[in-house]
N, C-alpha and C. Protein backbone atom coordinates (compact mmCIF):
# COMPACT_ATOMS: atom_id res chain seq x y z
N MET A 1 138.97 -109.08 -148.02
CA MET A 1 140.03 -110.16 -148.40
C MET A 1 140.24 -111.28 -147.30
N ASP A 2 140.23 -112.55 -147.76
CA ASP A 2 140.21 -113.76 -146.79
C ASP A 2 141.79 -114.24 -146.90
N GLU A 3 142.45 -113.61 -145.70
CA GLU A 3 144.05 -113.73 -145.57
C GLU A 3 144.15 -115.46 -145.55
N LYS A 4 143.41 -116.39 -145.43
CA LYS A 4 143.73 -117.68 -145.29
C LYS A 4 143.84 -118.01 -146.79
N ILE A 5 143.27 -117.34 -147.88
CA ILE A 5 143.14 -117.72 -149.02
C ILE A 5 144.36 -117.25 -149.98
N ALA A 6 144.74 -115.89 -149.47
CA ALA A 6 145.78 -115.23 -149.73
C ALA A 6 146.91 -116.00 -149.60
N GLU A 7 147.17 -116.61 -148.19
CA GLU A 7 148.42 -117.18 -147.80
C GLU A 7 148.61 -118.53 -148.80
N ALA A 8 147.55 -119.41 -148.81
CA ALA A 8 147.19 -120.58 -149.61
C ALA A 8 147.67 -120.36 -151.11
N LEU A 9 147.45 -119.03 -151.61
CA LEU A 9 148.02 -119.07 -152.77
C LEU A 9 149.33 -118.60 -152.82
N SER A 10 149.80 -118.07 -151.85
CA SER A 10 151.10 -117.39 -151.83
C SER A 10 151.90 -118.40 -151.62
N GLU A 11 151.78 -119.22 -150.73
CA GLU A 11 152.41 -120.80 -150.31
C GLU A 11 152.62 -121.36 -151.63
N ALA A 12 151.44 -121.65 -152.61
CA ALA A 12 151.70 -122.64 -153.52
C ALA A 12 152.15 -121.81 -154.68
N LYS A 13 152.70 -120.50 -154.44
CA LYS A 13 153.42 -119.55 -155.68
C LYS A 13 152.66 -119.73 -156.94
N VAL A 14 151.49 -119.42 -157.06
CA VAL A 14 150.76 -119.34 -158.26
C VAL A 14 150.93 -118.08 -158.90
N MET A 15 151.57 -117.16 -158.51
CA MET A 15 151.80 -115.66 -158.93
C MET A 15 153.41 -115.70 -159.58
N LYS A 16 153.80 -115.63 -160.99
CA LYS A 16 155.06 -115.72 -161.22
C LYS A 16 155.49 -114.16 -161.83
N PHE A 17 156.62 -113.91 -161.91
CA PHE A 17 156.99 -112.48 -161.92
C PHE A 17 158.14 -112.53 -163.22
N GLY A 18 158.08 -111.81 -164.32
CA GLY A 18 158.96 -111.69 -165.51
C GLY A 18 158.44 -111.28 -166.68
N LEU A 19 158.37 -111.42 -167.47
CA LEU A 19 158.06 -111.02 -168.88
C LEU A 19 157.22 -112.33 -169.43
N PHE A 20 155.56 -112.39 -169.72
CA PHE A 20 154.95 -113.19 -170.42
C PHE A 20 154.19 -112.97 -171.55
N THR A 21 153.84 -113.94 -172.33
CA THR A 21 153.15 -113.51 -173.59
C THR A 21 151.85 -114.04 -173.13
N LEU A 22 150.53 -113.55 -173.11
CA LEU A 22 149.36 -114.04 -172.93
C LEU A 22 148.49 -114.51 -174.24
N ALA A 23 147.64 -114.94 -173.90
CA ALA A 23 146.90 -116.08 -175.44
C ALA A 23 146.66 -114.63 -176.40
N SER A 24 146.36 -113.42 -175.83
CA SER A 24 145.91 -112.17 -176.86
C SER A 24 147.18 -111.72 -177.64
N GLY A 25 148.33 -112.19 -177.15
CA GLY A 25 149.32 -112.02 -177.68
C GLY A 25 150.19 -110.41 -177.18
N ARG A 26 149.31 -110.08 -176.08
CA ARG A 26 149.87 -108.83 -175.29
C ARG A 26 151.01 -109.14 -174.32
N LYS A 27 151.82 -108.23 -173.56
CA LYS A 27 152.85 -108.75 -173.18
C LYS A 27 152.35 -108.57 -171.50
N THR A 28 152.72 -109.30 -170.46
CA THR A 28 152.54 -108.98 -169.13
C THR A 28 153.83 -109.54 -168.19
N PRO A 29 153.92 -108.76 -167.19
CA PRO A 29 154.86 -108.63 -166.34
C PRO A 29 154.63 -109.90 -165.09
N VAL A 30 153.34 -110.27 -165.12
CA VAL A 30 153.11 -111.15 -164.02
C VAL A 30 151.98 -112.59 -164.79
N TYR A 31 152.52 -113.60 -164.24
CA TYR A 31 151.46 -114.61 -164.87
C TYR A 31 150.81 -115.31 -163.41
N VAL A 32 149.38 -115.55 -163.26
CA VAL A 32 149.16 -116.39 -162.90
C VAL A 32 148.62 -117.88 -162.89
N ASP A 33 149.35 -118.82 -162.16
CA ASP A 33 149.06 -120.17 -162.57
C ASP A 33 148.40 -120.89 -161.57
N ILE A 34 147.11 -120.88 -161.48
CA ILE A 34 146.42 -121.42 -160.51
C ILE A 34 146.21 -122.90 -160.66
N ARG A 35 146.40 -122.83 -161.89
CA ARG A 35 146.18 -124.59 -162.49
C ARG A 35 147.24 -125.52 -161.57
N ILE A 36 148.18 -124.95 -160.85
CA ILE A 36 149.16 -126.19 -159.80
C ILE A 36 148.73 -125.96 -158.51
N ILE A 37 147.50 -125.58 -158.10
CA ILE A 37 147.31 -125.84 -156.79
C ILE A 37 146.79 -127.16 -156.11
N PRO A 38 146.41 -127.70 -157.25
CA PRO A 38 145.96 -129.52 -156.65
C PRO A 38 147.19 -130.02 -156.07
N SER A 39 148.50 -129.66 -156.55
CA SER A 39 149.90 -130.14 -156.41
C SER A 39 150.20 -129.97 -154.98
N PHE A 40 149.51 -129.25 -154.07
CA PHE A 40 150.10 -128.61 -153.16
C PHE A 40 148.66 -129.01 -152.00
N PRO A 41 148.71 -129.85 -151.36
CA PRO A 41 147.21 -130.36 -150.53
C PRO A 41 146.81 -129.36 -149.38
N GLY A 42 147.78 -128.84 -148.61
CA GLY A 42 147.40 -128.13 -147.71
C GLY A 42 146.74 -126.64 -148.47
N PRO A 43 147.14 -125.87 -149.25
CA PRO A 43 146.49 -124.90 -149.71
C PRO A 43 145.37 -125.19 -150.74
N PHE A 44 145.28 -126.30 -151.56
CA PHE A 44 144.11 -126.80 -152.23
C PHE A 44 142.84 -126.99 -151.08
N ALA A 45 142.76 -128.12 -150.15
CA ALA A 45 142.23 -127.55 -149.39
C ALA A 45 141.42 -126.69 -148.65
N ALA A 46 142.39 -125.66 -148.43
CA ALA A 46 141.89 -124.33 -147.92
C ALA A 46 141.12 -123.65 -148.96
N VAL A 47 141.52 -123.64 -150.15
CA VAL A 47 140.69 -122.85 -151.39
C VAL A 47 139.57 -123.92 -151.67
N THR A 48 139.63 -125.06 -151.55
CA THR A 48 138.33 -125.82 -152.03
C THR A 48 137.14 -125.86 -151.06
N ASP A 49 137.62 -125.70 -149.55
CA ASP A 49 136.59 -125.32 -148.60
C ASP A 49 136.13 -124.24 -148.68
N ALA A 50 136.64 -122.97 -148.82
CA ALA A 50 136.07 -121.66 -149.31
C ALA A 50 134.99 -121.86 -150.14
N LEU A 51 135.44 -122.39 -151.39
CA LEU A 51 134.64 -122.60 -152.57
C LEU A 51 133.14 -123.38 -152.51
N VAL A 52 133.28 -124.22 -151.45
CA VAL A 52 132.46 -125.15 -151.03
C VAL A 52 131.33 -124.14 -150.29
N ALA A 53 131.64 -123.40 -149.44
CA ALA A 53 130.92 -122.54 -148.96
C ALA A 53 130.12 -121.62 -149.61
N LYS A 54 130.81 -121.28 -150.53
CA LYS A 54 129.96 -120.30 -151.50
C LYS A 54 128.93 -121.25 -152.40
N VAL A 55 129.42 -122.36 -152.69
CA VAL A 55 128.27 -123.18 -153.50
C VAL A 55 127.15 -123.41 -152.51
N LYS A 56 127.36 -123.47 -151.42
CA LYS A 56 126.37 -124.03 -150.61
C LYS A 56 125.23 -122.79 -150.05
N ALA A 57 125.94 -121.60 -150.26
CA ALA A 57 125.17 -120.59 -150.20
C ALA A 57 124.45 -120.25 -151.41
N LEU A 58 124.89 -120.59 -152.38
CA LEU A 58 124.14 -120.46 -153.74
C LEU A 58 123.21 -121.25 -153.83
N GLY A 59 122.81 -122.42 -153.42
CA GLY A 59 121.84 -123.50 -153.32
C GLY A 59 121.58 -124.09 -154.71
N VAL A 60 122.60 -124.65 -155.39
CA VAL A 60 122.92 -125.07 -156.80
C VAL A 60 122.58 -126.32 -157.03
N ASP A 61 122.13 -127.01 -157.91
CA ASP A 61 121.91 -128.49 -158.04
C ASP A 61 123.09 -129.18 -158.41
N VAL A 62 124.22 -128.53 -159.36
CA VAL A 62 125.16 -129.21 -159.87
C VAL A 62 126.34 -128.15 -160.21
N VAL A 63 127.54 -128.73 -160.11
CA VAL A 63 128.45 -128.19 -159.94
C VAL A 63 129.11 -128.63 -161.45
N ALA A 64 129.40 -127.51 -162.40
CA ALA A 64 130.22 -127.60 -163.92
C ALA A 64 131.48 -127.07 -163.60
N GLY A 65 132.36 -128.05 -163.78
CA GLY A 65 133.77 -127.65 -163.98
C GLY A 65 134.27 -127.35 -165.58
N SER A 66 134.86 -126.23 -165.91
CA SER A 66 135.34 -125.90 -167.29
C SER A 66 136.45 -126.64 -167.53
N GLU A 67 136.62 -127.26 -168.73
CA GLU A 67 137.80 -127.66 -169.43
C GLU A 67 138.96 -126.23 -169.18
N THR A 68 140.40 -126.70 -168.77
CA THR A 68 140.44 -128.00 -168.17
C THR A 68 140.58 -127.44 -166.57
N ALA A 69 141.21 -126.42 -166.28
CA ALA A 69 141.41 -125.98 -165.00
C ALA A 69 140.38 -125.80 -164.18
N GLY A 70 139.02 -125.90 -164.57
CA GLY A 70 138.08 -125.76 -163.57
C GLY A 70 137.74 -127.59 -162.99
N ILE A 71 138.23 -128.58 -163.73
CA ILE A 71 137.59 -129.65 -163.51
C ILE A 71 138.09 -130.18 -162.23
N PRO A 72 139.51 -130.47 -161.79
CA PRO A 72 140.05 -130.71 -160.41
C PRO A 72 139.22 -130.14 -159.36
N ILE A 73 139.09 -128.54 -159.73
CA ILE A 73 138.39 -127.71 -158.41
C ILE A 73 137.08 -128.29 -158.27
N ALA A 74 136.54 -128.21 -159.70
CA ALA A 74 134.80 -128.76 -159.30
C ALA A 74 134.88 -130.26 -158.75
N ALA A 75 135.73 -131.09 -159.11
CA ALA A 75 135.58 -132.17 -158.42
C ALA A 75 135.68 -132.48 -156.97
N ALA A 76 136.75 -131.42 -156.31
CA ALA A 76 136.84 -131.56 -155.30
C ALA A 76 135.45 -130.68 -154.47
N ILE A 77 135.14 -129.90 -154.92
CA ILE A 77 133.90 -129.23 -154.43
C ILE A 77 132.70 -129.96 -154.55
N ALA A 78 132.34 -130.64 -155.62
CA ALA A 78 131.58 -132.00 -155.66
C ALA A 78 131.42 -132.93 -154.58
N ILE A 79 132.79 -133.53 -154.41
CA ILE A 79 133.10 -134.54 -153.35
C ILE A 79 132.62 -133.74 -152.00
N LYS A 80 133.03 -132.58 -151.41
CA LYS A 80 133.02 -132.26 -150.51
C LYS A 80 131.30 -131.78 -149.98
N ALA A 81 131.02 -130.94 -151.00
CA ALA A 81 129.68 -130.63 -151.06
C ALA A 81 128.51 -131.79 -151.28
N LYS A 82 128.92 -132.95 -151.38
CA LYS A 82 128.13 -133.91 -151.86
C LYS A 82 127.03 -133.30 -152.96
N LEU A 83 127.53 -132.86 -154.04
CA LEU A 83 126.61 -132.45 -155.22
C LEU A 83 127.21 -133.08 -156.25
N PRO A 84 126.20 -133.57 -157.00
CA PRO A 84 126.71 -134.07 -158.54
C PRO A 84 127.25 -133.10 -159.48
N MET A 85 128.46 -133.84 -160.42
CA MET A 85 129.21 -132.90 -161.19
C MET A 85 129.27 -133.05 -162.63
N VAL A 86 129.46 -132.28 -163.25
CA VAL A 86 129.55 -132.31 -164.77
C VAL A 86 130.90 -131.42 -165.28
N TYR A 87 131.23 -131.73 -166.15
CA TYR A 87 132.55 -130.81 -167.01
C TYR A 87 131.91 -130.37 -168.35
N VAL A 88 132.56 -129.23 -168.59
CA VAL A 88 132.11 -128.44 -169.75
C VAL A 88 133.35 -128.17 -170.66
N ARG A 89 133.22 -128.88 -171.88
CA ARG A 89 134.64 -129.03 -173.10
C ARG A 89 134.51 -127.57 -173.50
N LYS A 90 135.69 -127.05 -174.17
CA LYS A 90 135.88 -126.35 -175.10
C LYS A 90 135.19 -126.41 -176.52
N ARG A 91 135.49 -127.44 -177.10
CA ARG A 91 134.99 -127.82 -178.35
C ARG A 91 134.36 -129.43 -178.05
N PRO A 92 133.29 -129.68 -178.98
CA PRO A 92 132.67 -130.66 -178.98
C PRO A 92 133.63 -131.80 -179.34
N LYS A 93 133.40 -133.08 -178.57
CA LYS A 93 134.45 -134.22 -179.20
C LYS A 93 133.95 -134.59 -180.57
N GLY A 94 134.93 -135.23 -181.43
CA GLY A 94 134.55 -135.39 -182.42
C GLY A 94 134.09 -136.88 -182.84
N TYR A 95 133.36 -137.43 -181.51
CA TYR A 95 132.81 -138.69 -181.98
C TYR A 95 131.84 -138.96 -180.96
N GLY A 96 131.06 -139.99 -181.11
CA GLY A 96 130.12 -140.35 -179.89
C GLY A 96 128.86 -139.07 -179.76
N THR A 97 128.48 -138.85 -178.76
CA THR A 97 127.44 -137.86 -178.85
C THR A 97 127.65 -136.34 -178.93
N GLN A 98 129.13 -136.26 -179.20
CA GLN A 98 129.69 -134.87 -179.54
C GLN A 98 128.81 -133.86 -178.88
N SER A 99 128.77 -133.85 -177.46
CA SER A 99 128.03 -133.33 -176.78
C SER A 99 129.17 -132.13 -175.87
N LEU A 100 128.84 -131.04 -175.72
CA LEU A 100 130.18 -130.07 -174.74
C LEU A 100 130.28 -130.59 -173.34
N VAL A 101 129.08 -131.19 -173.00
CA VAL A 101 128.68 -131.42 -171.52
C VAL A 101 129.05 -132.98 -171.34
N GLU A 102 130.16 -133.44 -170.22
CA GLU A 102 130.35 -134.83 -170.20
C GLU A 102 129.68 -134.86 -168.63
N GLY A 103 128.79 -135.92 -168.71
CA GLY A 103 127.93 -136.01 -167.11
C GLY A 103 126.53 -135.76 -167.33
N ILE A 104 125.80 -136.33 -166.18
CA ILE A 104 124.41 -136.19 -166.10
C ILE A 104 124.04 -134.76 -165.67
N ILE A 105 123.33 -134.16 -166.56
CA ILE A 105 122.51 -132.51 -166.11
C ILE A 105 121.03 -132.50 -166.39
N GLU A 106 119.82 -132.51 -165.81
CA GLU A 106 118.69 -132.60 -166.24
C GLU A 106 118.20 -131.27 -166.25
N LYS A 107 117.26 -131.09 -167.50
CA LYS A 107 116.83 -129.70 -167.97
C LYS A 107 115.94 -129.07 -166.89
N GLY A 108 116.51 -127.76 -166.60
CA GLY A 108 116.02 -126.90 -165.45
C GLY A 108 117.05 -126.86 -164.30
N GLN A 109 117.84 -127.78 -164.11
CA GLN A 109 118.81 -127.91 -162.93
C GLN A 109 119.76 -126.53 -162.90
N ASN A 110 119.91 -125.94 -161.83
CA ASN A 110 120.72 -124.90 -161.85
C ASN A 110 122.16 -125.55 -161.39
N ALA A 111 123.02 -124.81 -162.33
CA ALA A 111 124.26 -125.41 -162.48
C ALA A 111 125.24 -124.22 -162.05
N VAL A 112 126.37 -124.08 -161.47
CA VAL A 112 127.38 -123.10 -160.96
C VAL A 112 128.59 -123.84 -162.05
N LEU A 113 128.99 -122.61 -162.90
CA LEU A 113 130.22 -122.73 -163.60
C LEU A 113 131.39 -122.85 -162.49
N ILE A 114 132.49 -123.57 -162.38
CA ILE A 114 133.68 -123.37 -161.63
C ILE A 114 134.79 -123.22 -162.71
N ASP A 115 135.68 -122.25 -162.52
CA ASP A 115 137.01 -122.30 -163.10
C ASP A 115 138.17 -121.72 -162.06
N ASP A 116 139.36 -121.77 -162.85
CA ASP A 116 140.35 -121.32 -161.65
C ASP A 116 140.36 -119.95 -161.72
N MET A 117 139.96 -118.93 -162.60
CA MET A 117 140.32 -117.61 -162.68
C MET A 117 139.25 -116.83 -164.07
N ILE A 118 139.31 -115.52 -163.77
CA ILE A 118 138.53 -114.94 -164.90
C ILE A 118 139.36 -113.61 -165.20
N THR A 119 139.28 -113.18 -166.68
CA THR A 119 139.98 -112.27 -167.36
C THR A 119 138.65 -111.40 -167.66
N ASP A 120 138.65 -111.54 -168.84
CA ASP A 120 137.46 -110.88 -169.45
C ASP A 120 136.22 -111.49 -169.59
N GLY A 121 136.28 -112.70 -169.23
CA GLY A 121 134.95 -113.47 -169.09
C GLY A 121 134.31 -113.98 -170.32
N LYS A 122 135.05 -113.68 -171.58
CA LYS A 122 134.61 -114.26 -172.88
C LYS A 122 134.66 -115.90 -172.92
N SER A 123 135.38 -116.38 -172.48
CA SER A 123 135.47 -117.68 -172.53
C SER A 123 134.62 -118.36 -171.72
N LYS A 124 133.96 -117.87 -170.86
CA LYS A 124 133.20 -118.51 -169.56
C LYS A 124 131.69 -118.73 -170.43
N MET A 125 131.38 -117.65 -171.35
CA MET A 125 130.15 -117.55 -172.01
C MET A 125 130.11 -118.78 -173.08
N GLY A 126 131.53 -119.08 -173.73
CA GLY A 126 130.93 -120.52 -174.03
C GLY A 126 130.86 -121.48 -173.53
N PHE A 127 131.31 -121.83 -172.14
CA PHE A 127 131.23 -122.99 -171.02
C PHE A 127 129.63 -122.65 -171.15
N ILE A 128 129.08 -121.93 -170.60
CA ILE A 128 127.69 -121.36 -170.44
C ILE A 128 126.82 -121.71 -171.39
N GLU A 129 127.07 -121.39 -172.50
CA GLU A 129 126.11 -121.79 -173.86
C GLU A 129 126.30 -123.30 -173.73
N GLY A 130 127.20 -124.10 -173.55
CA GLY A 130 127.17 -125.51 -173.65
C GLY A 130 126.26 -126.03 -172.33
N LEU A 131 126.29 -125.55 -171.42
CA LEU A 131 125.36 -126.16 -170.45
C LEU A 131 124.03 -125.66 -170.53
N HIS A 132 123.85 -124.47 -171.12
CA HIS A 132 122.13 -124.01 -171.58
C HIS A 132 122.07 -125.18 -172.77
N ASN A 133 122.64 -125.48 -173.65
CA ASN A 133 122.36 -126.51 -174.64
C ASN A 133 121.87 -127.71 -174.04
N GLU A 134 122.06 -128.04 -173.05
CA GLU A 134 121.81 -129.27 -172.20
C GLU A 134 120.54 -128.87 -171.46
N GLY A 135 119.95 -128.15 -171.31
CA GLY A 135 118.80 -127.42 -170.66
C GLY A 135 119.21 -127.11 -169.31
N ALA A 136 120.28 -126.91 -168.98
CA ALA A 136 120.89 -126.30 -167.56
C ALA A 136 120.37 -124.82 -167.51
N VAL A 137 120.22 -124.33 -166.27
CA VAL A 137 120.05 -122.70 -165.70
C VAL A 137 121.52 -122.59 -165.17
N VAL A 138 121.85 -121.49 -165.87
CA VAL A 138 123.14 -121.21 -165.26
C VAL A 138 123.14 -119.42 -164.83
N LYS A 139 123.31 -119.38 -163.34
CA LYS A 139 123.21 -117.97 -163.09
C LYS A 139 124.29 -117.38 -162.17
N ASP A 140 125.25 -118.18 -162.14
CA ASP A 140 126.35 -118.14 -161.22
C ASP A 140 127.70 -118.66 -161.50
N VAL A 141 129.08 -118.04 -161.51
CA VAL A 141 130.22 -118.37 -161.96
C VAL A 141 131.15 -117.85 -160.70
N LEU A 142 131.64 -119.45 -160.43
CA LEU A 142 132.54 -119.19 -159.35
C LEU A 142 133.95 -119.20 -159.72
N VAL A 143 134.78 -118.59 -159.35
CA VAL A 143 136.30 -118.81 -159.58
C VAL A 143 137.04 -118.42 -158.26
N ILE A 144 138.39 -118.97 -158.57
CA ILE A 144 139.48 -118.66 -157.14
C ILE A 144 139.69 -117.32 -157.06
N LEU A 145 140.23 -116.75 -158.51
CA LEU A 145 140.99 -115.18 -158.65
C LEU A 145 140.31 -114.50 -159.63
N ASP A 146 139.79 -113.44 -159.35
CA ASP A 146 139.08 -112.30 -160.29
C ASP A 146 140.42 -111.22 -161.02
N ARG A 147 140.85 -111.44 -161.81
CA ARG A 147 141.81 -110.46 -162.66
C ARG A 147 141.06 -109.16 -162.52
N GLU A 148 139.76 -108.77 -162.50
CA GLU A 148 139.31 -107.54 -162.88
C GLU A 148 139.59 -106.73 -163.74
N GLN A 149 139.58 -107.54 -165.05
CA GLN A 149 139.68 -107.11 -166.12
C GLN A 149 138.18 -107.17 -167.28
N GLY A 150 137.34 -106.93 -166.64
CA GLY A 150 136.12 -106.92 -167.15
C GLY A 150 135.19 -108.21 -167.25
N GLY A 151 135.54 -109.34 -166.37
CA GLY A 151 134.97 -110.40 -166.33
C GLY A 151 133.62 -110.13 -165.79
N SER A 152 133.31 -109.78 -164.82
CA SER A 152 132.26 -109.49 -164.01
C SER A 152 130.82 -108.37 -164.93
N GLU A 153 131.58 -107.64 -165.72
CA GLU A 153 130.75 -107.15 -166.52
C GLU A 153 130.24 -107.71 -167.55
N THR A 154 131.05 -108.60 -168.36
CA THR A 154 130.66 -109.40 -169.42
C THR A 154 129.67 -110.40 -169.01
N LEU A 155 129.90 -110.95 -167.47
CA LEU A 155 128.77 -111.73 -167.19
C LEU A 155 127.60 -111.12 -166.81
N ALA A 156 127.58 -110.29 -166.41
CA ALA A 156 126.30 -109.05 -166.06
C ALA A 156 125.41 -109.00 -167.23
N GLU A 157 125.98 -108.73 -168.49
CA GLU A 157 125.17 -108.58 -169.74
C GLU A 157 124.28 -109.84 -170.14
N HIS A 158 124.76 -110.94 -169.36
CA HIS A 158 123.92 -111.95 -169.96
C HIS A 158 123.57 -112.62 -168.52
N ALA A 159 123.29 -111.45 -167.83
CA ALA A 159 122.45 -111.93 -166.12
C ALA A 159 122.82 -113.01 -165.69
N VAL A 160 124.50 -113.11 -165.40
CA VAL A 160 125.30 -114.05 -164.92
C VAL A 160 125.88 -113.22 -163.85
N SER A 161 126.13 -113.96 -162.20
CA SER A 161 126.57 -113.17 -161.21
C SER A 161 128.06 -113.82 -161.10
N LEU A 162 129.29 -113.20 -160.81
CA LEU A 162 130.36 -113.42 -160.59
C LEU A 162 130.68 -113.51 -159.11
N HIS A 163 131.35 -114.42 -158.71
CA HIS A 163 131.72 -115.05 -157.65
C HIS A 163 133.21 -115.46 -157.43
N SER A 164 134.08 -114.67 -156.52
CA SER A 164 135.57 -115.14 -156.53
C SER A 164 135.78 -114.88 -154.91
N LEU A 165 136.80 -115.50 -154.76
CA LEU A 165 137.61 -115.54 -153.37
C LEU A 165 138.59 -114.71 -153.33
N ILE A 166 139.46 -114.06 -154.11
CA ILE A 166 140.23 -113.26 -154.16
C ILE A 166 140.37 -112.23 -155.52
N THR A 167 140.84 -111.04 -155.64
CA THR A 167 141.17 -110.38 -156.83
C THR A 167 142.87 -110.39 -156.85
N LEU A 168 143.00 -110.10 -157.88
CA LEU A 168 144.55 -110.01 -158.39
C LEU A 168 144.98 -108.87 -157.59
N LYS A 169 144.36 -107.93 -157.56
CA LYS A 169 145.41 -106.54 -156.41
C LYS A 169 145.29 -107.02 -155.13
N GLU A 170 144.32 -107.61 -154.52
CA GLU A 170 144.43 -108.15 -153.22
C GLU A 170 145.44 -109.02 -153.02
N LEU A 171 145.64 -110.15 -153.69
CA LEU A 171 146.57 -111.14 -153.49
C LEU A 171 147.99 -110.58 -153.51
N LEU A 172 148.16 -109.62 -154.89
CA LEU A 172 149.66 -108.85 -154.97
C LEU A 172 149.66 -108.19 -153.63
N ALA A 173 148.55 -107.37 -152.88
CA ALA A 173 148.89 -106.56 -151.70
C ALA A 173 149.63 -107.37 -150.67
N TYR A 174 148.85 -108.38 -150.42
CA TYR A 174 149.07 -109.45 -149.47
C TYR A 174 150.34 -109.90 -149.33
N MET A 175 150.87 -110.50 -150.75
CA MET A 175 152.23 -110.89 -151.06
C MET A 175 153.14 -109.66 -150.57
N LYS A 176 152.99 -108.27 -150.79
CA LYS A 176 153.91 -107.27 -150.49
C LYS A 176 153.98 -107.18 -149.18
N GLU A 177 152.73 -107.15 -148.37
CA GLU A 177 153.15 -107.29 -146.86
C GLU A 177 153.62 -108.19 -146.42
N LYS A 178 153.33 -109.32 -146.66
CA LYS A 178 154.12 -110.51 -146.12
C LYS A 178 155.53 -111.02 -146.69
N GLY A 179 155.93 -110.26 -147.55
CA GLY A 179 157.11 -110.38 -148.35
C GLY A 179 157.53 -111.37 -149.32
N TYR A 180 156.38 -111.84 -149.71
CA TYR A 180 156.59 -112.80 -151.18
C TYR A 180 156.80 -112.12 -152.31
N VAL A 181 157.08 -110.91 -152.49
CA VAL A 181 157.21 -110.09 -153.68
C VAL A 181 158.01 -108.78 -153.21
N ASP A 182 159.21 -108.54 -154.02
CA ASP A 182 159.78 -107.57 -153.86
C ASP A 182 159.63 -106.29 -154.24
N GLU A 183 160.09 -105.07 -153.66
CA GLU A 183 159.50 -104.00 -154.20
C GLU A 183 159.21 -103.48 -155.88
N ASP A 184 160.42 -104.09 -156.46
CA ASP A 184 160.40 -103.65 -157.88
C ASP A 184 159.32 -104.52 -158.76
N ASN A 185 159.18 -105.65 -158.41
CA ASN A 185 158.07 -106.54 -159.14
C ASN A 185 156.71 -105.87 -158.53
N PHE A 186 156.77 -105.52 -157.74
CA PHE A 186 155.10 -104.94 -156.89
C PHE A 186 155.08 -103.75 -157.73
N ASN A 187 156.04 -103.01 -157.91
CA ASN A 187 155.61 -101.49 -158.65
C ASN A 187 155.23 -101.81 -159.97
N ILE A 188 156.20 -102.81 -160.65
CA ILE A 188 156.00 -103.01 -162.13
C ILE A 188 154.27 -103.73 -162.79
N THR A 189 154.40 -104.92 -161.42
CA THR A 189 152.90 -105.20 -161.66
C THR A 189 151.62 -104.68 -161.25
N THR A 190 151.85 -103.47 -160.36
CA THR A 190 150.46 -102.67 -159.84
C THR A 190 150.52 -101.48 -161.15
N ASN A 191 151.54 -100.80 -161.72
CA ASN A 191 151.50 -100.33 -163.17
C ASN A 191 150.78 -100.95 -163.99
N TYR A 192 150.98 -102.25 -164.16
CA TYR A 192 150.48 -103.01 -165.35
C TYR A 192 149.07 -102.99 -165.27
N LEU A 193 148.70 -103.34 -163.61
CA LEU A 193 147.21 -103.69 -163.32
C LEU A 193 146.51 -102.48 -163.83
N ASN A 194 147.28 -101.20 -163.32
CA ASN A 194 146.33 -100.16 -163.35
C ASN A 194 145.98 -99.45 -164.71
N ASN A 195 146.82 -100.33 -165.72
CA ASN A 195 146.61 -100.24 -167.45
C ASN A 195 146.88 -101.05 -168.22
N PRO A 196 146.49 -102.34 -167.75
CA PRO A 196 146.87 -103.46 -168.60
C PRO A 196 146.93 -103.08 -169.98
N GLN A 197 146.07 -102.39 -171.04
CA GLN A 197 146.08 -101.97 -172.38
C GLN A 197 147.16 -101.39 -173.00
N LYS A 198 147.52 -100.43 -171.86
CA LYS A 198 148.87 -99.53 -172.49
C LYS A 198 150.39 -99.79 -171.86
N TRP A 199 150.41 -100.93 -171.39
CA TRP A 199 151.63 -101.24 -170.19
C TRP A 199 152.47 -101.65 -171.27
N ILE A 200 153.90 -101.04 -170.90
CA ILE A 200 155.16 -101.50 -171.84
C ILE A 200 156.05 -101.70 -170.31
N LEU A 201 157.04 -102.50 -170.78
CA LEU A 201 158.41 -102.66 -169.88
C LEU A 201 159.09 -101.40 -170.07
């Protein structure tokens, strides 16, 4: 685990504790809001620097940000890495070209899909399909945080590799060690992460 990343996310207070409802309708005692990180220049710089290093190691041609959380992250990476950027919509716009991809991408170019985090990976496949439709090759997805709820496995089924800076469990352990989370919320969240499908308050 990169402690610099854990500290940056802790400083930005991306992890909220309480009782929340996910898009699936399931309840969760923890909500991770990485979308707020661009509001914190120091943490955002630390996170995007680490992402740039990973992007350079992948040797891709284009950075692709996913709507909406991945767009500011991808933009920062593209500027720092001096790479072209596109972004991918969830749904085609209802006018003009009706394309899912905004920006210029050439057939056969290698693109890395950028997002804030990954859960089960299903939404990522829609973005990847949009890039494929433009002729791009997508072998890698890069996120800040992996919730470790099947995302890596979903991508692997389609020959796509997942790269992340930190996992939710690693961030939680760091926050406990540094006093960012109290014992009760740590235990409740740990129980949830060990079996999110069957978790009850």
